[in-house]
Amino acid sequence: MFTSEFFLSLLITAVPAYLLGSVNFALVVSKLYANDDIRRHGSGNAGMTNILRTYGKLPAFYTALGDFFKGVAAVFFGRYIFNLFGFTAFDGAYIGGIFVLLGHLFPVYFKFKGGKGVLTSFGALLVINPIAFCIIAAICIPLVFIIKIVSLVSIIGAFLFPVLTYAMLALKGRPAIIDTGFAALFCLIIVFMHRQNIKRLLNGTEHKFGQPKNK
């Protein structure tokens, strides 16, 4: 499997996916909308939630749209490249998804300081496993309005990804190790990027959705 063609397909997938991921739409929107850097405000995170708190709904919508669909695009691209070289399209999908996520977290265009990757991950998930995406969305979207803590809902969604991946493949009687491993990697990255949020959750100081900003 690990031939020169495989590594070439990996390279052709990984580099563009990473560069696409590096286009952080929270940073782009804050620059275009307010000639500003969102990382100077609120939580300091270059993500949709901080954009919403700082600039409002419309900039947050554009941020969400961009970050979500770059995840979609990278996975489609990875599937196409791996299929073109005669390899399993699913491998390419996961490679595209992982590297677009890494680009979002550590963007080369923005001094390697990006967001937490939730929307980009879920964009990738939509293509990788549409059924799991729908289940997670059906659970997490209402949860945002019930518990009003976006970071906690994001972590819950991240944990559901490998659980659902394993369960769905096991029910079909298919090998689940590789797919579950990739899904677990997504989960671990998301949880790691939320480590400060986890500390605030544990001490009861995490920001709630709809809560007024601290002045």
N, C-alpha and C. Protein backbone atom coordinates (compact mmCIF):
# COMPACT_ATOMS: atom_id res chain seq x y z
N MET A 1 0.83 -1.21 0.00
CA MET A 1 0.00 0.00 0.00
C MET A 1 0.86 1.26 0.00
N PHE A 2 1.92 1.27 0.83
CA PHE A 2 2.72 2.48 1.00
C PHE A 2 3.76 2.58 -0.11
N THR A 3 3.28 2.78 -1.30
CA THR A 3 4.13 2.93 -2.48
C THR A 3 4.42 4.40 -2.72
N SER A 4 5.27 4.66 -3.71
CA SER A 4 5.57 6.06 -4.06
C SER A 4 4.31 6.77 -4.54
N GLU A 5 3.42 6.04 -5.23
CA GLU A 5 2.17 6.64 -5.69
C GLU A 5 1.27 7.02 -4.51
N PHE A 6 1.30 6.18 -3.46
CA PHE A 6 0.49 6.50 -2.28
C PHE A 6 0.99 7.78 -1.62
N PHE A 7 2.30 7.87 -1.44
CA PHE A 7 2.85 9.07 -0.80
C PHE A 7 2.66 10.31 -1.67
N LEU A 8 2.69 10.13 -2.98
CA LEU A 8 2.42 11.26 -3.88
C LEU A 8 0.97 11.72 -3.74
N SER A 9 0.05 10.77 -3.70
CA SER A 9 -1.36 11.13 -3.53
C SER A 9 -1.59 11.79 -2.17
N LEU A 10 -0.88 11.30 -1.14
CA LEU A 10 -0.99 11.91 0.18
C LEU A 10 -0.50 13.35 0.15
N LEU A 11 0.64 13.57 -0.51
CA LEU A 11 1.22 14.92 -0.60
C LEU A 11 0.31 15.86 -1.38
N ILE A 12 -0.21 15.37 -2.50
CA ILE A 12 -1.08 16.21 -3.34
C ILE A 12 -2.38 16.54 -2.61
N THR A 13 -2.81 15.67 -1.72
CA THR A 13 -4.01 15.94 -0.92
C THR A 13 -3.70 16.85 0.26
N ALA A 14 -2.63 16.52 0.99
CA ALA A 14 -2.36 17.18 2.26
C ALA A 14 -2.00 18.66 2.12
N VAL A 15 -1.14 18.98 1.16
CA VAL A 15 -0.65 20.37 1.05
C VAL A 15 -1.78 21.33 0.68
N PRO A 16 -2.55 21.08 -0.40
CA PRO A 16 -3.66 22.00 -0.69
C PRO A 16 -4.71 22.05 0.43
N ALA A 17 -4.97 20.90 1.07
CA ALA A 17 -5.94 20.89 2.16
C ALA A 17 -5.47 21.76 3.32
N TYR A 18 -4.19 21.65 3.65
CA TYR A 18 -3.63 22.49 4.73
C TYR A 18 -3.70 23.97 4.36
N LEU A 19 -3.33 24.30 3.13
CA LEU A 19 -3.35 25.70 2.70
C LEU A 19 -4.78 26.25 2.67
N LEU A 20 -5.73 25.42 2.26
CA LEU A 20 -7.13 25.84 2.29
C LEU A 20 -7.59 26.05 3.73
N GLY A 21 -7.21 25.12 4.60
CA GLY A 21 -7.55 25.26 6.02
C GLY A 21 -6.97 26.51 6.64
N SER A 22 -5.82 26.94 6.15
CA SER A 22 -5.16 28.13 6.68
C SER A 22 -5.91 29.42 6.38
N VAL A 23 -6.85 29.36 5.44
CA VAL A 23 -7.70 30.53 5.18
C VAL A 23 -8.75 30.56 6.29
N ASN A 24 -8.42 31.24 7.39
CA ASN A 24 -9.31 31.29 8.54
C ASN A 24 -10.34 32.40 8.32
N PHE A 25 -11.59 32.01 8.15
CA PHE A 25 -12.61 32.99 7.77
C PHE A 25 -12.97 33.94 8.90
N ALA A 26 -12.74 33.54 10.14
CA ALA A 26 -12.95 34.48 11.25
C ALA A 26 -11.98 35.64 11.15
N LEU A 27 -10.74 35.33 10.81
CA LEU A 27 -9.72 36.38 10.66
C LEU A 27 -9.98 37.21 9.41
N VAL A 28 -10.38 36.55 8.33
CA VAL A 28 -10.68 37.27 7.09
C VAL A 28 -11.87 38.20 7.29
N VAL A 29 -12.93 37.69 7.90
CA VAL A 29 -14.14 38.49 8.11
C VAL A 29 -13.86 39.67 9.04
N SER A 30 -13.12 39.44 10.13
CA SER A 30 -12.82 40.54 11.05
C SER A 30 -11.98 41.62 10.38
N LYS A 31 -11.11 41.20 9.47
CA LYS A 31 -10.29 42.17 8.73
C LYS A 31 -11.15 42.97 7.75
N LEU A 32 -11.99 42.27 6.99
CA LEU A 32 -12.82 42.94 5.98
C LEU A 32 -13.94 43.76 6.62
N TYR A 33 -14.51 43.24 7.70
CA TYR A 33 -15.67 43.87 8.32
C TYR A 33 -15.29 45.07 9.19
N ALA A 34 -14.18 44.93 9.94
CA ALA A 34 -13.84 45.96 10.91
C ALA A 34 -12.37 46.38 10.86
N ASN A 35 -11.64 45.90 9.84
CA ASN A 35 -10.20 46.17 9.76
C ASN A 35 -9.53 45.86 11.10
N ASP A 36 -9.82 44.68 11.61
CA ASP A 36 -9.44 44.30 12.96
C ASP A 36 -8.99 42.84 12.98
N ASP A 37 -8.49 42.40 14.12
CA ASP A 37 -8.10 41.00 14.32
C ASP A 37 -8.94 40.45 15.46
N ILE A 38 -9.80 39.49 15.16
CA ILE A 38 -10.71 38.94 16.15
C ILE A 38 -9.98 38.35 17.35
N ARG A 39 -8.72 37.97 17.17
CA ARG A 39 -7.95 37.38 18.26
C ARG A 39 -7.65 38.37 19.37
N ARG A 40 -7.89 39.66 19.11
CA ARG A 40 -7.69 40.69 20.14
C ARG A 40 -8.93 40.89 21.02
N HIS A 41 -9.99 40.17 20.73
CA HIS A 41 -11.26 40.41 21.41
C HIS A 41 -11.79 39.14 22.07
N GLY A 42 -12.66 39.35 23.05
CA GLY A 42 -13.38 38.25 23.68
C GLY A 42 -12.48 37.14 24.19
N SER A 43 -12.76 35.93 23.73
CA SER A 43 -11.99 34.76 24.16
C SER A 43 -10.60 34.69 23.52
N GLY A 44 -10.39 35.51 22.48
CA GLY A 44 -9.13 35.45 21.75
C GLY A 44 -9.10 34.38 20.69
N ASN A 45 -10.19 33.63 20.56
CA ASN A 45 -10.25 32.55 19.58
C ASN A 45 -10.72 33.07 18.23
N ALA A 46 -10.05 32.61 17.16
CA ALA A 46 -10.43 32.99 15.80
C ALA A 46 -11.49 32.03 15.29
N GLY A 47 -12.70 32.17 15.83
CA GLY A 47 -13.78 31.27 15.46
C GLY A 47 -15.12 31.98 15.39
N MET A 48 -16.13 31.26 14.92
CA MET A 48 -17.45 31.85 14.69
C MET A 48 -18.08 32.38 15.97
N THR A 49 -17.95 31.65 17.08
CA THR A 49 -18.60 32.08 18.32
C THR A 49 -18.06 33.43 18.78
N ASN A 50 -16.75 33.61 18.71
CA ASN A 50 -16.15 34.88 19.11
C ASN A 50 -16.54 36.01 18.14
N ILE A 51 -16.65 35.68 16.86
CA ILE A 51 -17.12 36.66 15.87
C ILE A 51 -18.55 37.09 16.21
N LEU A 52 -19.40 36.14 16.56
CA LEU A 52 -20.79 36.44 16.92
C LEU A 52 -20.86 37.38 18.11
N ARG A 53 -20.08 37.09 19.14
CA ARG A 53 -20.09 37.94 20.33
C ARG A 53 -19.55 39.34 20.05
N THR A 54 -18.56 39.41 19.16
CA THR A 54 -17.86 40.68 18.94
C THR A 54 -18.52 41.55 17.89
N TYR A 55 -18.93 40.95 16.76
CA TYR A 55 -19.41 41.74 15.62
C TYR A 55 -20.88 41.51 15.27
N GLY A 56 -21.47 40.41 15.72
CA GLY A 56 -22.88 40.19 15.43
C GLY A 56 -23.15 39.02 14.50
N LYS A 57 -24.42 38.89 14.11
CA LYS A 57 -24.90 37.69 13.42
C LYS A 57 -24.41 37.56 11.98
N LEU A 58 -24.45 38.64 11.21
CA LEU A 58 -24.09 38.52 9.79
C LEU A 58 -22.62 38.15 9.60
N PRO A 59 -21.66 38.83 10.27
CA PRO A 59 -20.27 38.38 10.16
C PRO A 59 -20.08 36.94 10.64
N ALA A 60 -20.83 36.56 11.69
CA ALA A 60 -20.73 35.18 12.19
C ALA A 60 -21.24 34.19 11.15
N PHE A 61 -22.30 34.56 10.44
CA PHE A 61 -22.84 33.69 9.39
C PHE A 61 -21.81 33.46 8.28
N TYR A 62 -21.17 34.54 7.82
CA TYR A 62 -20.15 34.41 6.77
C TYR A 62 -18.97 33.57 7.25
N THR A 63 -18.60 33.75 8.51
CA THR A 63 -17.50 32.96 9.08
C THR A 63 -17.86 31.48 9.11
N ALA A 64 -19.06 31.19 9.60
CA ALA A 64 -19.51 29.80 9.68
C ALA A 64 -19.56 29.15 8.31
N LEU A 65 -20.08 29.88 7.34
CA LEU A 65 -20.19 29.37 5.98
C LEU A 65 -18.82 29.01 5.41
N GLY A 66 -17.87 29.93 5.55
CA GLY A 66 -16.53 29.70 5.01
C GLY A 66 -15.80 28.56 5.68
N ASP A 67 -15.82 28.54 7.02
CA ASP A 67 -15.10 27.51 7.75
C ASP A 67 -15.72 26.13 7.55
N PHE A 68 -17.04 26.06 7.44
CA PHE A 68 -17.71 24.78 7.22
C PHE A 68 -17.40 24.23 5.84
N PHE A 69 -17.54 25.05 4.82
CA PHE A 69 -17.43 24.54 3.45
C PHE A 69 -15.99 24.31 3.00
N LYS A 70 -15.02 24.89 3.70
CA LYS A 70 -13.64 24.50 3.36
C LYS A 70 -13.37 23.07 3.83
N GLY A 71 -14.03 22.65 4.91
CA GLY A 71 -13.95 21.26 5.33
C GLY A 71 -14.57 20.33 4.31
N VAL A 72 -15.73 20.73 3.79
CA VAL A 72 -16.40 19.97 2.73
C VAL A 72 -15.50 19.84 1.51
N ALA A 73 -14.95 20.97 1.06
CA ALA A 73 -14.13 21.00 -0.16
C ALA A 73 -12.88 20.14 -0.03
N ALA A 74 -12.21 20.21 1.12
CA ALA A 74 -10.97 19.45 1.30
C ALA A 74 -11.21 17.95 1.26
N VAL A 75 -12.33 17.50 1.83
CA VAL A 75 -12.64 16.07 1.83
C VAL A 75 -12.99 15.58 0.43
N PHE A 76 -13.79 16.35 -0.29
CA PHE A 76 -14.09 16.00 -1.68
C PHE A 76 -12.80 15.93 -2.51
N PHE A 77 -11.91 16.88 -2.28
CA PHE A 77 -10.64 16.91 -3.02
C PHE A 77 -9.80 15.68 -2.70
N GLY A 78 -9.71 15.33 -1.41
CA GLY A 78 -8.94 14.15 -1.01
C GLY A 78 -9.50 12.87 -1.60
N ARG A 79 -10.81 12.75 -1.61
CA ARG A 79 -11.44 11.57 -2.21
C ARG A 79 -11.11 11.48 -3.70
N TYR A 80 -11.17 12.61 -4.38
CA TYR A 80 -10.90 12.63 -5.82
C TYR A 80 -9.46 12.23 -6.11
N ILE A 81 -8.51 12.80 -5.38
CA ILE A 81 -7.09 12.51 -5.63
C ILE A 81 -6.77 11.05 -5.36
N PHE A 82 -7.21 10.52 -4.23
CA PHE A 82 -6.91 9.12 -3.90
C PHE A 82 -7.57 8.18 -4.90
N ASN A 83 -8.77 8.48 -5.30
CA ASN A 83 -9.46 7.67 -6.30
C ASN A 83 -8.73 7.73 -7.64
N LEU A 84 -8.22 8.91 -7.98
CA LEU A 84 -7.48 9.10 -9.23
C LEU A 84 -6.23 8.22 -9.28
N PHE A 85 -5.58 8.06 -8.12
CA PHE A 85 -4.37 7.25 -8.04
C PHE A 85 -4.67 5.78 -7.77
N GLY A 86 -5.94 5.42 -7.69
CA GLY A 86 -6.31 4.02 -7.51
C GLY A 86 -6.34 3.55 -6.08
N PHE A 87 -6.41 4.49 -5.13
CA PHE A 87 -6.47 4.12 -3.72
C PHE A 87 -7.88 4.34 -3.17
N THR A 88 -8.09 3.87 -1.94
CA THR A 88 -9.41 3.98 -1.33
C THR A 88 -9.78 5.44 -1.13
N ALA A 89 -10.94 5.81 -1.66
CA ALA A 89 -11.38 7.21 -1.57
C ALA A 89 -11.55 7.66 -0.13
N PHE A 90 -11.95 6.72 0.75
CA PHE A 90 -12.16 7.09 2.15
C PHE A 90 -10.85 7.52 2.81
N ASP A 91 -9.73 6.88 2.45
CA ASP A 91 -8.43 7.30 2.98
C ASP A 91 -8.16 8.75 2.60
N GLY A 92 -8.41 9.08 1.35
CA GLY A 92 -8.22 10.45 0.89
C GLY A 92 -9.13 11.42 1.59
N ALA A 93 -10.35 10.99 1.88
CA ALA A 93 -11.31 11.84 2.58
C ALA A 93 -10.79 12.20 3.97
N TYR A 94 -10.30 11.20 4.69
CA TYR A 94 -9.79 11.46 6.04
C TYR A 94 -8.52 12.30 6.00
N ILE A 95 -7.63 12.03 5.05
CA ILE A 95 -6.40 12.83 4.93
C ILE A 95 -6.75 14.29 4.63
N GLY A 96 -7.66 14.51 3.69
CA GLY A 96 -8.10 15.87 3.39
C GLY A 96 -8.71 16.53 4.61
N GLY A 97 -9.53 15.79 5.35
CA GLY A 97 -10.17 16.33 6.54
C GLY A 97 -9.19 16.68 7.64
N ILE A 98 -8.24 15.80 7.91
CA ILE A 98 -7.25 16.06 8.96
C ILE A 98 -6.40 17.27 8.62
N PHE A 99 -5.96 17.37 7.38
CA PHE A 99 -5.04 18.47 7.02
C PHE A 99 -5.76 19.81 6.87
N VAL A 100 -7.02 19.81 6.45
CA VAL A 100 -7.74 21.09 6.43
C VAL A 100 -7.98 21.56 7.87
N LEU A 101 -8.19 20.61 8.78
CA LEU A 101 -8.35 20.95 10.19
C LEU A 101 -7.05 21.51 10.76
N LEU A 102 -5.92 20.86 10.45
CA LEU A 102 -4.63 21.36 10.94
C LEU A 102 -4.33 22.75 10.39
N GLY A 103 -4.70 22.99 9.14
CA GLY A 103 -4.53 24.32 8.57
C GLY A 103 -5.36 25.36 9.30
N HIS A 104 -6.57 24.98 9.68
CA HIS A 104 -7.44 25.91 10.41
C HIS A 104 -6.86 26.21 11.79
N LEU A 105 -6.33 25.20 12.45
CA LEU A 105 -5.79 25.37 13.80
C LEU A 105 -4.47 26.14 13.79
N PHE A 106 -3.64 25.85 12.79
CA PHE A 106 -2.30 26.44 12.72
C PHE A 106 -2.08 27.05 11.34
N PRO A 107 -2.77 28.16 11.04
CA PRO A 107 -2.75 28.73 9.68
C PRO A 107 -1.42 29.39 9.33
N VAL A 108 -0.84 28.97 8.23
CA VAL A 108 0.44 29.52 7.80
C VAL A 108 0.32 31.00 7.47
N TYR A 109 -0.88 31.45 7.07
CA TYR A 109 -1.07 32.85 6.70
C TYR A 109 -1.25 33.76 7.90
N PHE A 110 -1.50 33.20 9.08
CA PHE A 110 -1.82 34.01 10.25
C PHE A 110 -0.96 33.62 11.45
N LYS A 111 0.34 33.41 11.19
CA LYS A 111 1.32 33.15 12.24
C LYS A 111 0.97 31.91 13.08
N PHE A 112 0.32 30.94 12.44
CA PHE A 112 0.02 29.63 13.04
C PHE A 112 -0.89 29.71 14.27
N LYS A 113 -1.67 30.78 14.35
CA LYS A 113 -2.63 30.91 15.45
C LYS A 113 -4.03 31.04 14.86
N GLY A 114 -4.79 29.95 14.91
CA GLY A 114 -6.11 29.93 14.29
C GLY A 114 -7.22 29.67 15.28
N GLY A 115 -8.26 28.98 14.82
CA GLY A 115 -9.42 28.69 15.65
C GLY A 115 -9.35 27.29 16.25
N LYS A 116 -10.50 26.77 16.64
CA LYS A 116 -10.56 25.47 17.30
C LYS A 116 -11.08 24.36 16.40
N GLY A 117 -11.52 24.71 15.21
CA GLY A 117 -11.76 23.70 14.19
C GLY A 117 -13.09 22.99 14.21
N VAL A 118 -14.04 23.45 15.01
CA VAL A 118 -15.30 22.71 15.13
C VAL A 118 -16.09 22.74 13.82
N LEU A 119 -16.31 23.93 13.26
CA LEU A 119 -17.09 24.02 12.03
C LEU A 119 -16.39 23.33 10.86
N THR A 120 -15.08 23.49 10.78
CA THR A 120 -14.33 22.84 9.71
C THR A 120 -14.41 21.32 9.83
N SER A 121 -14.33 20.82 11.06
CA SER A 121 -14.45 19.38 11.30
C SER A 121 -15.83 18.86 10.89
N PHE A 122 -16.86 19.62 11.22
CA PHE A 122 -18.20 19.17 10.89
C PHE A 122 -18.49 19.29 9.40
N GLY A 123 -17.83 20.23 8.73
CA GLY A 123 -17.92 20.26 7.28
C GLY A 123 -17.31 19.01 6.66
N ALA A 124 -16.15 18.61 7.20
CA ALA A 124 -15.51 17.37 6.75
C ALA A 124 -16.39 16.16 7.05
N LEU A 125 -16.99 16.15 8.23
CA LEU A 125 -17.85 15.03 8.64
C LEU A 125 -19.05 14.86 7.72
N LEU A 126 -19.60 15.98 7.24
CA LEU A 126 -20.76 15.90 6.34
C LEU A 126 -20.48 15.02 5.13
N VAL A 127 -19.26 15.10 4.61
CA VAL A 127 -18.89 14.31 3.43
C VAL A 127 -18.42 12.91 3.83
N ILE A 128 -17.66 12.82 4.90
CA ILE A 128 -17.11 11.53 5.33
C ILE A 128 -18.20 10.58 5.79
N ASN A 129 -19.12 11.09 6.59
CA ASN A 129 -20.17 10.23 7.16
C ASN A 129 -21.45 11.06 7.34
N PRO A 130 -22.24 11.20 6.27
CA PRO A 130 -23.44 12.05 6.33
C PRO A 130 -24.44 11.63 7.40
N ILE A 131 -24.57 10.33 7.63
CA ILE A 131 -25.53 9.86 8.64
C ILE A 131 -25.08 10.29 10.03
N ALA A 132 -23.80 10.09 10.34
CA ALA A 132 -23.27 10.53 11.63
C ALA A 132 -23.41 12.03 11.79
N PHE A 133 -23.17 12.77 10.70
CA PHE A 133 -23.32 14.23 10.73
C PHE A 133 -24.75 14.60 11.13
N CYS A 134 -25.73 13.96 10.51
CA CYS A 134 -27.14 14.28 10.79
C CYS A 134 -27.51 13.95 12.23
N ILE A 135 -27.01 12.82 12.74
CA ILE A 135 -27.30 12.43 14.12
C ILE A 135 -26.68 13.43 15.10
N ILE A 136 -25.41 13.78 14.86
CA ILE A 136 -24.72 14.73 15.74
C ILE A 136 -25.39 16.10 15.69
N ALA A 137 -25.76 16.54 14.49
CA ALA A 137 -26.44 17.83 14.35
C ALA A 137 -27.78 17.82 15.08
N ALA A 138 -28.51 16.71 14.97
CA ALA A 138 -29.82 16.61 15.63
C ALA A 138 -29.70 16.64 17.15
N ILE A 139 -28.56 16.18 17.66
CA ILE A 139 -28.32 16.20 19.11
C ILE A 139 -27.77 17.55 19.54
N CYS A 140 -26.78 18.05 18.81
CA CYS A 140 -26.02 19.22 19.27
C CYS A 140 -26.73 20.55 19.06
N ILE A 141 -27.46 20.70 17.97
CA ILE A 141 -28.13 21.99 17.72
C ILE A 141 -29.14 22.31 18.83
N PRO A 142 -30.03 21.37 19.20
CA PRO A 142 -30.92 21.68 20.34
C PRO A 142 -30.15 21.89 21.65
N LEU A 143 -29.06 21.13 21.84
CA LEU A 143 -28.28 21.26 23.07
C LEU A 143 -27.71 22.66 23.27
N VAL A 144 -27.33 23.31 22.16
CA VAL A 144 -26.80 24.68 22.26
C VAL A 144 -27.82 25.59 22.94
N PHE A 145 -29.08 25.42 22.60
CA PHE A 145 -30.13 26.28 23.14
C PHE A 145 -30.62 25.82 24.52
N ILE A 146 -30.32 24.55 24.85
CA ILE A 146 -30.73 24.04 26.16
C ILE A 146 -29.69 24.37 27.23
N ILE A 147 -28.42 24.01 26.97
CA ILE A 147 -27.39 24.24 27.99
C ILE A 147 -26.63 25.54 27.75
N LYS A 148 -26.72 26.09 26.54
CA LYS A 148 -26.18 27.41 26.19
C LYS A 148 -24.67 27.53 26.38
N ILE A 149 -23.96 26.41 26.29
CA ILE A 149 -22.50 26.45 26.38
C ILE A 149 -21.94 25.81 25.11
N VAL A 150 -21.52 26.65 24.18
CA VAL A 150 -21.11 26.18 22.86
C VAL A 150 -19.92 25.24 22.94
N SER A 151 -18.96 25.56 23.80
CA SER A 151 -17.76 24.72 23.90
C SER A 151 -18.10 23.31 24.38
N LEU A 152 -19.00 23.19 25.34
CA LEU A 152 -19.39 21.87 25.85
C LEU A 152 -20.10 21.07 24.77
N VAL A 153 -20.98 21.73 24.03
CA VAL A 153 -21.68 21.05 22.94
C VAL A 153 -20.70 20.60 21.87
N SER A 154 -19.70 21.43 21.59
CA SER A 154 -18.66 21.06 20.60
C SER A 154 -17.90 19.82 21.04
N ILE A 155 -17.57 19.75 22.32
CA ILE A 155 -16.85 18.59 22.86
C ILE A 155 -17.73 17.34 22.80
N ILE A 156 -18.99 17.49 23.14
CA ILE A 156 -19.93 16.36 23.05
C ILE A 156 -20.02 15.85 21.61
N GLY A 157 -20.15 16.77 20.67
CA GLY A 157 -20.20 16.39 19.25
C GLY A 157 -18.94 15.68 18.81
N ALA A 158 -17.79 16.16 19.30
CA ALA A 158 -16.52 15.53 18.94
C ALA A 158 -16.45 14.09 19.44
N PHE A 159 -16.91 13.85 20.67
CA PHE A 159 -16.90 12.50 21.22
C PHE A 159 -17.88 11.58 20.49
N LEU A 160 -18.97 12.13 20.02
CA LEU A 160 -19.96 11.31 19.32
C LEU A 160 -19.44 10.78 17.99
N PHE A 161 -18.52 11.51 17.36
CA PHE A 161 -18.02 11.12 16.03
C PHE A 161 -17.40 9.72 16.04
N PRO A 162 -16.38 9.43 16.88
CA PRO A 162 -15.82 8.07 16.86
C PRO A 162 -16.80 7.01 17.37
N VAL A 163 -17.65 7.38 18.33
CA VAL A 163 -18.63 6.42 18.86
C VAL A 163 -19.59 5.99 17.76
N LEU A 164 -20.12 6.96 17.03
CA LEU A 164 -21.06 6.64 15.95
C LEU A 164 -20.37 5.92 14.80
N THR A 165 -19.14 6.33 14.50
CA THR A 165 -18.39 5.67 13.42
C THR A 165 -18.23 4.19 13.71
N TYR A 166 -17.79 3.88 14.94
CA TYR A 166 -17.61 2.47 15.32
C TYR A 166 -18.93 1.72 15.31
N ALA A 167 -19.96 2.31 15.90
CA ALA A 167 -21.26 1.63 16.01
C ALA A 167 -21.85 1.34 14.64
N MET A 168 -21.77 2.30 13.74
CA MET A 168 -22.37 2.11 12.41
C MET A 168 -21.65 1.04 11.61
N LEU A 169 -20.32 1.01 11.69
CA LEU A 169 -19.56 -0.01 10.96
C LEU A 169 -19.74 -1.38 11.59
N ALA A 170 -19.79 -1.42 12.93
CA ALA A 170 -19.98 -2.70 13.62
C ALA A 170 -21.33 -3.32 13.27
N LEU A 171 -22.35 -2.48 13.19
CA LEU A 171 -23.68 -2.97 12.82
C LEU A 171 -23.72 -3.55 11.42
N LYS A 172 -22.86 -3.02 10.55
CA LYS A 172 -22.78 -3.53 9.17
C LYS A 172 -21.83 -4.71 9.04
N GLY A 173 -21.15 -5.06 10.16
CA GLY A 173 -20.20 -6.16 10.13
C GLY A 173 -18.92 -5.83 9.38
N ARG A 174 -18.59 -4.54 9.29
CA ARG A 174 -17.39 -4.12 8.56
C ARG A 174 -16.27 -3.78 9.52
N PRO A 175 -15.00 -3.93 9.12
CA PRO A 175 -13.88 -3.52 9.98
C PRO A 175 -13.99 -2.04 10.34
N ALA A 176 -13.75 -1.75 11.61
CA ALA A 176 -13.99 -0.38 12.08
C ALA A 176 -12.74 0.30 12.63
N ILE A 177 -11.61 -0.40 12.66
CA ILE A 177 -10.44 0.13 13.35
C ILE A 177 -9.91 1.40 12.69
N ILE A 178 -9.71 1.37 11.38
CA ILE A 178 -9.11 2.52 10.69
C ILE A 178 -10.03 3.74 10.74
N ASP A 179 -11.29 3.54 10.38
CA ASP A 179 -12.24 4.65 10.38
C ASP A 179 -12.43 5.23 11.77
N THR A 180 -12.55 4.34 12.76
CA THR A 180 -12.72 4.81 14.14
C THR A 180 -11.47 5.53 14.62
N GLY A 181 -10.31 5.04 14.19
CA GLY A 181 -9.05 5.70 14.55
C GLY A 181 -8.97 7.12 14.01
N PHE A 182 -9.34 7.30 12.75
CA PHE A 182 -9.36 8.65 12.17
C PHE A 182 -10.37 9.53 12.89
N ALA A 183 -11.55 8.98 13.16
CA ALA A 183 -12.59 9.74 13.87
C ALA A 183 -12.12 10.13 15.27
N ALA A 184 -11.43 9.20 15.94
CA ALA A 184 -10.90 9.49 17.27
C ALA A 184 -9.83 10.58 17.21
N LEU A 185 -9.05 10.60 16.13
CA LEU A 185 -8.04 11.65 15.96
C LEU A 185 -8.71 13.02 15.85
N PHE A 186 -9.77 13.11 15.05
CA PHE A 186 -10.55 14.35 14.98
C PHE A 186 -11.01 14.76 16.38
N CYS A 187 -11.56 13.79 17.11
CA CYS A 187 -12.08 14.05 18.45
C CYS A 187 -11.00 14.57 19.38
N LEU A 188 -9.85 13.90 19.40
CA LEU A 188 -8.76 14.30 20.29
C LEU A 188 -8.25 15.70 19.97
N ILE A 189 -8.16 16.02 18.68
CA ILE A 189 -7.70 17.36 18.29
C ILE A 189 -8.67 18.42 18.78
N ILE A 190 -9.97 18.18 18.57
CA ILE A 190 -10.99 19.15 19.00
C ILE A 190 -10.96 19.32 20.52
N VAL A 191 -10.88 18.22 21.26
CA VAL A 191 -10.86 18.29 22.72
C VAL A 191 -9.60 19.02 23.19
N PHE A 192 -8.46 18.71 22.59
CA PHE A 192 -7.21 19.38 22.97
C PHE A 192 -7.32 20.88 22.75
N MET A 193 -7.90 21.29 21.63
CA MET A 193 -8.03 22.72 21.34
C MET A 193 -9.01 23.42 22.28
N HIS A 194 -9.83 22.64 22.98
CA HIS A 194 -10.77 23.21 23.95
C HIS A 194 -10.28 23.05 25.39
N ARG A 195 -9.00 22.82 25.58
CA ARG A 195 -8.49 22.54 26.93
C ARG A 195 -8.73 23.71 27.90
N GLN A 196 -8.60 24.95 27.41
CA GLN A 196 -8.87 26.10 28.29
C GLN A 196 -10.36 26.19 28.61
N ASN A 197 -11.19 25.87 27.62
CA ASN A 197 -12.64 25.84 27.87
C ASN A 197 -12.99 24.80 28.92
N ILE A 198 -12.32 23.65 28.87
CA ILE A 198 -12.58 22.58 29.84
C ILE A 198 -12.24 23.06 31.24
N LYS A 199 -11.13 23.79 31.37
CA LYS A 199 -10.77 24.35 32.69
C LYS A 199 -11.86 25.29 33.19
N ARG A 200 -12.37 26.15 32.29
CA ARG A 200 -13.43 27.08 32.70
C ARG A 200 -14.74 26.35 33.01
N LEU A 201 -15.01 25.28 32.27
CA LEU A 201 -16.20 24.47 32.56
C LEU A 201 -16.11 23.86 33.96
N LEU A 202 -14.93 23.38 34.31
CA LEU A 202 -14.75 22.74 35.61
C LEU A 202 -14.86 23.72 36.76
N ASN A 203 -14.44 24.99 36.53
CA ASN A 203 -14.55 25.97 37.62
C ASN A 203 -15.78 26.87 37.50
N GLY A 204 -16.64 26.56 36.51
CA GLY A 204 -17.92 27.25 36.40
C GLY A 204 -17.88 28.65 35.83
N THR A 205 -16.84 28.97 35.06
CA THR A 205 -16.71 30.33 34.52
C THR A 205 -16.83 30.38 33.00
N GLU A 206 -17.22 29.28 32.37
CA GLU A 206 -17.31 29.28 30.91
C GLU A 206 -18.47 30.15 30.44
N HIS A 207 -18.24 30.87 29.34
CA HIS A 207 -19.24 31.77 28.76
C HIS A 207 -20.43 30.97 28.24
N LYS A 208 -21.63 31.51 28.45
CA LYS A 208 -22.85 30.88 27.94
C LYS A 208 -23.38 31.62 26.73
N PHE A 209 -23.97 30.87 25.81
CA PHE A 209 -24.56 31.44 24.60
C PHE A 209 -25.66 32.43 24.98
N GLY A 210 -25.58 33.66 24.43
CA GLY A 210 -26.57 34.69 24.73
C GLY A 210 -26.25 35.52 25.95
N GLN A 211 -25.20 35.14 26.68
CA GLN A 211 -24.79 35.90 27.86
C GLN A 211 -24.11 37.19 27.43
N PRO A 212 -24.41 38.32 28.08
CA PRO A 212 -23.78 39.59 27.68
C PRO A 212 -22.27 39.51 27.79
N LYS A 213 -21.60 40.23 26.87
CA LYS A 213 -20.14 40.26 26.88
C LYS A 213 -19.65 41.01 28.11
N ASN A 214 -18.49 40.57 28.62
CA ASN A 214 -17.84 41.31 29.70
C ASN A 214 -17.25 42.59 29.15
N LYS A 215 -17.48 43.66 29.82
CA LYS A 215 -16.94 44.95 29.38
C LYS A 215 -15.53 45.14 29.90
